[in-house]
All heavy atoms as atom14 arrays in JSON, in Angstrom:
{
  "sequence": "PVSYDEAGFRYALKADAMATEKLAEGIRAFA",
  "atom14_mask": [
    [1, 1, 1, 1, 1, 1, 1, 0, 0, 0, 0, 0, 0, 0],
    [1, 1, 1, 1, 1, 1, 1, 0, 0, 0, 0, 0, 0, 0],
    [1, 1, 1, 1, 1, 1, 0, 0, 0, 0, 0, 0, 0, 0],
    [1, 1, 1, 1, 1, 1, 1, 1, 1, 1, 1, 1, 0, 0],
    [1, 1, 1, 1, 1, 1, 1, 1, 0, 0, 0, 0, 0, 0],
    [1, 1, 1, 1, 1, 1, 1, 1, 1, 0, 0, 0, 0, 0],
    [1, 1, 1, 1, 1, 0, 0, 0, 0, 0, 0, 0, 0, 0],
    [1, 1, 1, 1, 0, 0, 0, 0, 0, 0, 0, 0, 0, 0],
    [1, 1, 1, 1, 1, 1, 1, 1, 1, 1, 1, 0, 0, 0],
    [1, 1, 1, 1, 1, 1, 1, 1, 1, 1, 1, 0, 0, 0],
    [1, 1, 1, 1, 1, 1, 1, 1, 1, 1, 1, 1, 0, 0],
    [1, 1, 1, 1, 1, 0, 0, 0, 0, 0, 0, 0, 0, 0],
    [1, 1, 1, 1, 1, 1, 1, 1, 0, 0, 0, 0, 0, 0],
    [1, 1, 1, 1, 1, 1, 1, 1, 1, 0, 0, 0, 0, 0],
    [1, 1, 1, 1, 1, 0, 0, 0, 0, 0, 0, 0, 0, 0],
    [1, 1, 1, 1, 1, 1, 1, 1, 0, 0, 0, 0, 0, 0],
    [1, 1, 1, 1, 1, 0, 0, 0, 0, 0, 0, 0, 0, 0],
    [1, 1, 1, 1, 1, 1, 1, 1, 0, 0, 0, 0, 0, 0],
    [1, 1, 1, 1, 1, 0, 0, 0, 0, 0, 0, 0, 0, 0],
    [1, 1, 1, 1, 1, 1, 1, 0, 0, 0, 0, 0, 0, 0],
    [1, 1, 1, 1, 1, 1, 1, 1, 1, 0, 0, 0, 0, 0],
    [1, 1, 1, 1, 1, 1, 1, 1, 1, 0, 0, 0, 0, 0],
    [1, 1, 1, 1, 1, 1, 1, 1, 0, 0, 0, 0, 0, 0],
    [1, 1, 1, 1, 1, 0, 0, 0, 0, 0, 0, 0, 0, 0],
    [1, 1, 1, 1, 1, 1, 1, 1, 1, 0, 0, 0, 0, 0],
    [1, 1, 1, 1, 0, 0, 0, 0, 0, 0, 0, 0, 0, 0],
    [1, 1, 1, 1, 1, 1, 1, 1, 0, 0, 0, 0, 0, 0],
    [1, 1, 1, 1, 1, 1, 1, 1, 1, 1, 1, 0, 0, 0],
    [1, 1, 1, 1, 1, 0, 0, 0, 0, 0, 0, 0, 0, 0],
    [1, 1, 1, 1, 1, 1, 1, 1, 1, 1, 1, 0, 0, 0],
    [1, 1, 1, 1, 1, 0, 0, 0, 0, 0, 0, 0, 0, 0]
  ],
  "atom14_positions": [
    [[130.61, 62.4, -36.19], [130.21, 62.25, -37.59], [128.84, 61.58, -37.69], [128.47, 60.76, -36.85], [131.31, 61.38, -38.19], [131.94, 60.68, -37.03], [131.82, 61.6, -35.87], [0.0, 0.0, 0.0], [0.0, 0.0, 0.0], [0.0, 0.0, 0.0], [0.0, 0.0, 0.0], [0.0, 0.0, 0.0], [0.0, 0.0, 0.0], [0.0, 0.0, 0.0]],
    [[128.09, 61.95, -38.74], [126.75, 61.41, -38.96], [126.64, 61.01, -40.43], [127.15, 61.7, -41.31], [125.66, 62.45, -38.65], [124.27, 61.86, -38.86], [125.81, 62.97, -37.23], [0.0, 0.0, 0.0], [0.0, 0.0, 0.0], [0.0, 0.0, 0.0], [0.0, 0.0, 0.0], [0.0, 0.0, 0.0], [0.0, 0.0, 0.0], [0.0, 0.0, 0.0]],
    [[125.99, 59.88, -40.69], [125.73, 59.47, -42.07], [124.39, 58.75, -42.12], [123.89, 58.26, -41.1], [126.85, 58.58, -42.61], [126.91, 57.38, -41.86], [0.0, 0.0, 0.0], [0.0, 0.0, 0.0], [0.0, 0.0, 0.0], [0.0, 0.0, 0.0], [0.0, 0.0, 0.0], [0.0, 0.0, 0.0], [0.0, 0.0, 0.0], [0.0, 0.0, 0.0]],
    [[123.81, 58.68, -43.32], [122.52, 58.04, -43.5], [122.51, 57.17, -44.75], [123.01, 57.6, -45.8], [121.41, 59.08, -43.64], [121.1, 59.85, -42.38], [121.54, 61.16, -42.22], [120.37, 59.26, -41.35], [121.26, 61.87, -41.06], [120.08, 59.96, -40.19], [120.54, 61.26, -40.05], [120.27, 61.97, -38.9], [0.0, 0.0, 0.0], [0.0, 0.0, 0.0]],
    [[121.92, 55.97, -44.63], [121.51, 55.24, -45.81], [120.05, 55.62, -46.07], [119.47, 56.45, -45.36], [121.68, 53.72, -45.64], [120.9, 53.17, -44.45], [120.06, 53.9, -43.87], [121.13, 52.0, -44.1], [0.0, 0.0, 0.0], [0.0, 0.0, 0.0], [0.0, 0.0, 0.0], [0.0, 0.0, 0.0], [0.0, 0.0, 0.0], [0.0, 0.0, 0.0]],
    [[119.43, 55.03, -47.09], [118.08, 55.45, -47.44], [117.09, 55.23, -46.29], [116.29, 56.12, -45.96], [117.59, 54.71, -48.68], [116.19, 55.13, -49.09], [115.69, 54.44, -50.36], [116.48, 53.7, -50.99], [114.51, 54.64, -50.7], [0.0, 0.0, 0.0], [0.0, 0.0, 0.0], [0.0, 0.0, 0.0], [0.0, 0.0, 0.0], [0.0, 0.0, 0.0]],
    [[117.14, 54.06, -45.67], [116.21, 53.77, -44.58], [116.4, 54.72, -43.41], [115.43, 55.24, -42.84], [116.37, 52.32, -44.12], [0.0, 0.0, 0.0], [0.0, 0.0, 0.0], [0.0, 0.0, 0.0], [0.0, 0.0, 0.0], [0.0, 0.0, 0.0], [0.0, 0.0, 0.0], [0.0, 0.0, 0.0], [0.0, 0.0, 0.0], [0.0, 0.0, 0.0]],
    [[117.66, 54.99, -43.07], [117.95, 55.9, -41.97], [117.5, 57.32, -42.27], [116.99, 58.02, -41.39], [0.0, 0.0, 0.0], [0.0, 0.0, 0.0], [0.0, 0.0, 0.0], [0.0, 0.0, 0.0], [0.0, 0.0, 0.0], [0.0, 0.0, 0.0], [0.0, 0.0, 0.0], [0.0, 0.0, 0.0], [0.0, 0.0, 0.0], [0.0, 0.0, 0.0]],
    [[117.7, 57.72, -43.52], [117.27, 59.06, -43.93], [115.76, 59.2, -43.82], [115.25, 60.18, -43.25], [117.7, 59.32, -45.38], [117.14, 60.58, -45.98], [117.78, 61.8, -45.81], [115.95, 60.55, -46.72], [117.25, 62.96, -46.36], [115.42, 61.71, -47.27], [116.08, 62.91, -47.09], [0.0, 0.0, 0.0], [0.0, 0.0, 0.0], [0.0, 0.0, 0.0]],
    [[115.06, 58.22, -44.36], [113.59, 58.31, -44.35], [113.06, 58.32, -42.92], [112.12, 59.06, -42.61], [112.99, 57.17, -45.17], [113.29, 57.27, -46.66], [112.46, 56.3, -47.47], [112.83, 56.3, -48.88], [112.43, 57.2, -49.77], [111.65, 58.21, -49.39], [112.8, 57.12, -51.03], [0.0, 0.0, 0.0], [0.0, 0.0, 0.0], [0.0, 0.0, 0.0]],
    [[113.65, 57.53, -42.05], [113.2, 57.5, -40.66], [113.48, 58.84, -39.98], [112.62, 59.39, -39.28], [113.87, 56.37, -39.88], [113.35, 56.27, -38.46], [112.18, 55.59, -38.17], [114.03, 56.91, -37.42], [111.68, 55.53, -36.88], [113.55, 56.86, -36.12], [112.38, 56.17, -35.86], [111.89, 56.13, -34.58], [0.0, 0.0, 0.0], [0.0, 0.0, 0.0]],
    [[114.7, 59.37, -40.17], [115.07, 60.64, -39.54], [114.16, 61.78, -40.02], [113.75, 62.64, -39.22], [116.53, 60.97, -39.83], [0.0, 0.0, 0.0], [0.0, 0.0, 0.0], [0.0, 0.0, 0.0], [0.0, 0.0, 0.0], [0.0, 0.0, 0.0], [0.0, 0.0, 0.0], [0.0, 0.0, 0.0], [0.0, 0.0, 0.0], [0.0, 0.0, 0.0]],
    [[113.83, 61.77, -41.31], [112.97, 62.83, -41.84], [111.55, 62.7, -41.28], [110.94, 63.7, -40.86], [112.95, 62.75, -43.37], [112.19, 63.87, -44.1], [112.76, 65.25, -43.76], [112.23, 63.64, -45.61], [0.0, 0.0, 0.0], [0.0, 0.0, 0.0], [0.0, 0.0, 0.0], [0.0, 0.0, 0.0], [0.0, 0.0, 0.0], [0.0, 0.0, 0.0]],
    [[111.03, 61.48, -41.24], [109.68, 61.28, -40.71], [109.6, 61.57, -39.22], [108.56, 61.95, -38.69], [109.22, 59.84, -40.97], [108.97, 59.51, -42.43], [107.84, 60.34, -43.01], [107.54, 59.95, -44.44], [106.51, 60.83, -45.05], [0.0, 0.0, 0.0], [0.0, 0.0, 0.0], [0.0, 0.0, 0.0], [0.0, 0.0, 0.0], [0.0, 0.0, 0.0]],
    [[110.71, 61.38, -38.52], [110.74, 61.66, -37.08], [110.73, 63.16, -36.78], [110.49, 63.56, -35.65], [111.97, 61.01, -36.45], [0.0, 0.0, 0.0], [0.0, 0.0, 0.0], [0.0, 0.0, 0.0], [0.0, 0.0, 0.0], [0.0, 0.0, 0.0], [0.0, 0.0, 0.0], [0.0, 0.0, 0.0], [0.0, 0.0, 0.0], [0.0, 0.0, 0.0]],
    [[111.0, 63.97, -37.79], [111.03, 65.42, -37.65], [109.73, 65.97, -38.24], [109.6, 66.15, -39.45], [112.25, 65.97, -38.39], [112.45, 67.47, -38.17], [111.46, 68.18, -37.92], [113.61, 67.92, -38.29], [0.0, 0.0, 0.0], [0.0, 0.0, 0.0], [0.0, 0.0, 0.0], [0.0, 0.0, 0.0], [0.0, 0.0, 0.0], [0.0, 0.0, 0.0]],
    [[108.76, 66.25, -37.37], [107.44, 66.69, -37.84], [107.54, 67.98, -38.66], [106.87, 68.13, -39.69], [106.5, 66.88, -36.66], [0.0, 0.0, 0.0], [0.0, 0.0, 0.0], [0.0, 0.0, 0.0], [0.0, 0.0, 0.0], [0.0, 0.0, 0.0], [0.0, 0.0, 0.0], [0.0, 0.0, 0.0], [0.0, 0.0, 0.0], [0.0, 0.0, 0.0]],
    [[108.35, 68.92, -38.18], [108.48, 70.19, -38.9], [108.98, 69.97, -40.31], [108.4, 70.46, -41.29], [109.43, 71.12, -38.12], [109.72, 72.45, -38.8], [111.06, 72.37, -40.02], [112.44, 71.96, -38.98], [0.0, 0.0, 0.0], [0.0, 0.0, 0.0], [0.0, 0.0, 0.0], [0.0, 0.0, 0.0], [0.0, 0.0, 0.0], [0.0, 0.0, 0.0]],
    [[110.08, 69.21, -40.45], [110.68, 69.01, -41.77], [109.74, 68.24, -42.69], [109.63, 68.56, -43.88], [112.01, 68.27, -41.63], [0.0, 0.0, 0.0], [0.0, 0.0, 0.0], [0.0, 0.0, 0.0], [0.0, 0.0, 0.0], [0.0, 0.0, 0.0], [0.0, 0.0, 0.0], [0.0, 0.0, 0.0], [0.0, 0.0, 0.0], [0.0, 0.0, 0.0]],
    [[109.07, 67.23, -42.15], [108.13, 66.44, -42.96], [107.01, 67.33, -43.49], [106.68, 67.29, -44.68], [107.54, 65.3, -42.12], [108.6, 64.42, -41.73], [106.52, 64.51, -42.91], [0.0, 0.0, 0.0], [0.0, 0.0, 0.0], [0.0, 0.0, 0.0], [0.0, 0.0, 0.0], [0.0, 0.0, 0.0], [0.0, 0.0, 0.0], [0.0, 0.0, 0.0]],
    [[106.43, 68.13, -42.62], [105.31, 68.98, -43.02], [105.74, 70.08, -44.0], [105.08, 70.33, -45.0], [104.67, 69.6, -41.79], [103.95, 68.6, -40.9], [103.41, 69.22, -39.62], [103.18, 70.45, -39.61], [103.23, 68.48, -38.64], [0.0, 0.0, 0.0], [0.0, 0.0, 0.0], [0.0, 0.0, 0.0], [0.0, 0.0, 0.0], [0.0, 0.0, 0.0]],
    [[106.87, 70.72, -43.71], [107.29, 71.83, -44.55], [107.79, 71.36, -45.92], [107.59, 72.05, -46.93], [108.36, 72.66, -43.85], [107.93, 73.32, -42.55], [106.66, 74.13, -42.67], [106.84, 75.45, -43.36], [105.62, 76.3, -43.32], [0.0, 0.0, 0.0], [0.0, 0.0, 0.0], [0.0, 0.0, 0.0], [0.0, 0.0, 0.0], [0.0, 0.0, 0.0]],
    [[108.43, 70.19, -45.97], [108.86, 69.65, -47.26], [107.65, 69.36, -48.14], [107.6, 69.75, -49.32], [109.69, 68.38, -47.06], [110.1, 67.61, -48.33], [110.93, 68.49, -49.26], [110.88, 66.35, -47.95], [0.0, 0.0, 0.0], [0.0, 0.0, 0.0], [0.0, 0.0, 0.0], [0.0, 0.0, 0.0], [0.0, 0.0, 0.0], [0.0, 0.0, 0.0]],
    [[106.65, 68.68, -47.58], [105.44, 68.36, -48.35], [104.72, 69.64, -48.78], [104.28, 69.76, -49.93], [104.52, 67.47, -47.52], [0.0, 0.0, 0.0], [0.0, 0.0, 0.0], [0.0, 0.0, 0.0], [0.0, 0.0, 0.0], [0.0, 0.0, 0.0], [0.0, 0.0, 0.0], [0.0, 0.0, 0.0], [0.0, 0.0, 0.0], [0.0, 0.0, 0.0]],
    [[104.62, 70.59, -47.86], [103.95, 71.85, -48.16], [104.68, 72.6, -49.27], [104.05, 73.15, -50.19], [103.92, 72.7, -46.89], [103.31, 74.07, -47.05], [103.44, 74.86, -45.76], [104.48, 75.55, -45.57], [102.52, 74.78, -44.93], [0.0, 0.0, 0.0], [0.0, 0.0, 0.0], [0.0, 0.0, 0.0], [0.0, 0.0, 0.0], [0.0, 0.0, 0.0]],
    [[106.01, 72.62, -49.21], [106.79, 73.33, -50.22], [106.66, 72.72, -51.59], [106.53, 73.43, -52.6], [0.0, 0.0, 0.0], [0.0, 0.0, 0.0], [0.0, 0.0, 0.0], [0.0, 0.0, 0.0], [0.0, 0.0, 0.0], [0.0, 0.0, 0.0], [0.0, 0.0, 0.0], [0.0, 0.0, 0.0], [0.0, 0.0, 0.0], [0.0, 0.0, 0.0]],
    [[106.68, 71.39, -51.66], [106.51, 70.72, -52.94], [105.13, 71.02, -53.52], [104.99, 71.32, -54.71], [106.73, 69.19, -52.8], [108.21, 68.91, -52.51], [106.27, 68.45, -54.05], [108.5, 67.47, -52.15], [0.0, 0.0, 0.0], [0.0, 0.0, 0.0], [0.0, 0.0, 0.0], [0.0, 0.0, 0.0], [0.0, 0.0, 0.0], [0.0, 0.0, 0.0]],
    [[104.1, 70.96, -52.67], [102.74, 71.26, -53.15], [102.65, 72.68, -53.69], [102.05, 72.92, -54.75], [101.72, 71.08, -52.02], [101.43, 69.65, -51.63], [100.16, 69.55, -50.79], [100.21, 70.35, -49.58], [100.66, 69.9, -48.4], [101.11, 68.65, -48.3], [100.65, 70.68, -47.34], [0.0, 0.0, 0.0], [0.0, 0.0, 0.0], [0.0, 0.0, 0.0]],
    [[103.25, 73.62, -52.97], [103.16, 75.02, -53.39], [103.89, 75.26, -54.7], [103.37, 75.93, -55.61], [103.72, 75.93, -52.3], [0.0, 0.0, 0.0], [0.0, 0.0, 0.0], [0.0, 0.0, 0.0], [0.0, 0.0, 0.0], [0.0, 0.0, 0.0], [0.0, 0.0, 0.0], [0.0, 0.0, 0.0], [0.0, 0.0, 0.0], [0.0, 0.0, 0.0]],
    [[105.11, 74.74, -54.83], [105.86, 74.92, -56.08], [105.17, 74.21, -57.24], [105.14, 74.73, -58.37], [107.29, 74.4, -55.92], [108.2, 75.32, -55.15], [109.41, 74.86, -54.65], [107.88, 76.65, -54.94], [110.26, 75.7, -53.94], [108.73, 77.5, -54.24], [109.92, 77.02, -53.75], [0.0, 0.0, 0.0], [0.0, 0.0, 0.0], [0.0, 0.0, 0.0]],
    [[104.6, 73.03, -56.99], [103.89, 72.29, -58.04], [102.66, 73.07, -58.49], [102.36, 73.15, -59.69], [103.5, 70.91, -57.54], [0.0, 0.0, 0.0], [0.0, 0.0, 0.0], [0.0, 0.0, 0.0], [0.0, 0.0, 0.0], [0.0, 0.0, 0.0], [0.0, 0.0, 0.0], [0.0, 0.0, 0.0], [0.0, 0.0, 0.0], [0.0, 0.0, 0.0]]
  ]
}
C-alpha cells in the first residue's frame, strides 16, 4: 500500500521529472 500527505506528494511529484514537466506544460497549454 502507498499513501501521501501533502509534503510527500509534492516531493514524489518533483522527483519525477517527466510528470513535473508534462503537468506544467499541460497547464500552460490549456490556459
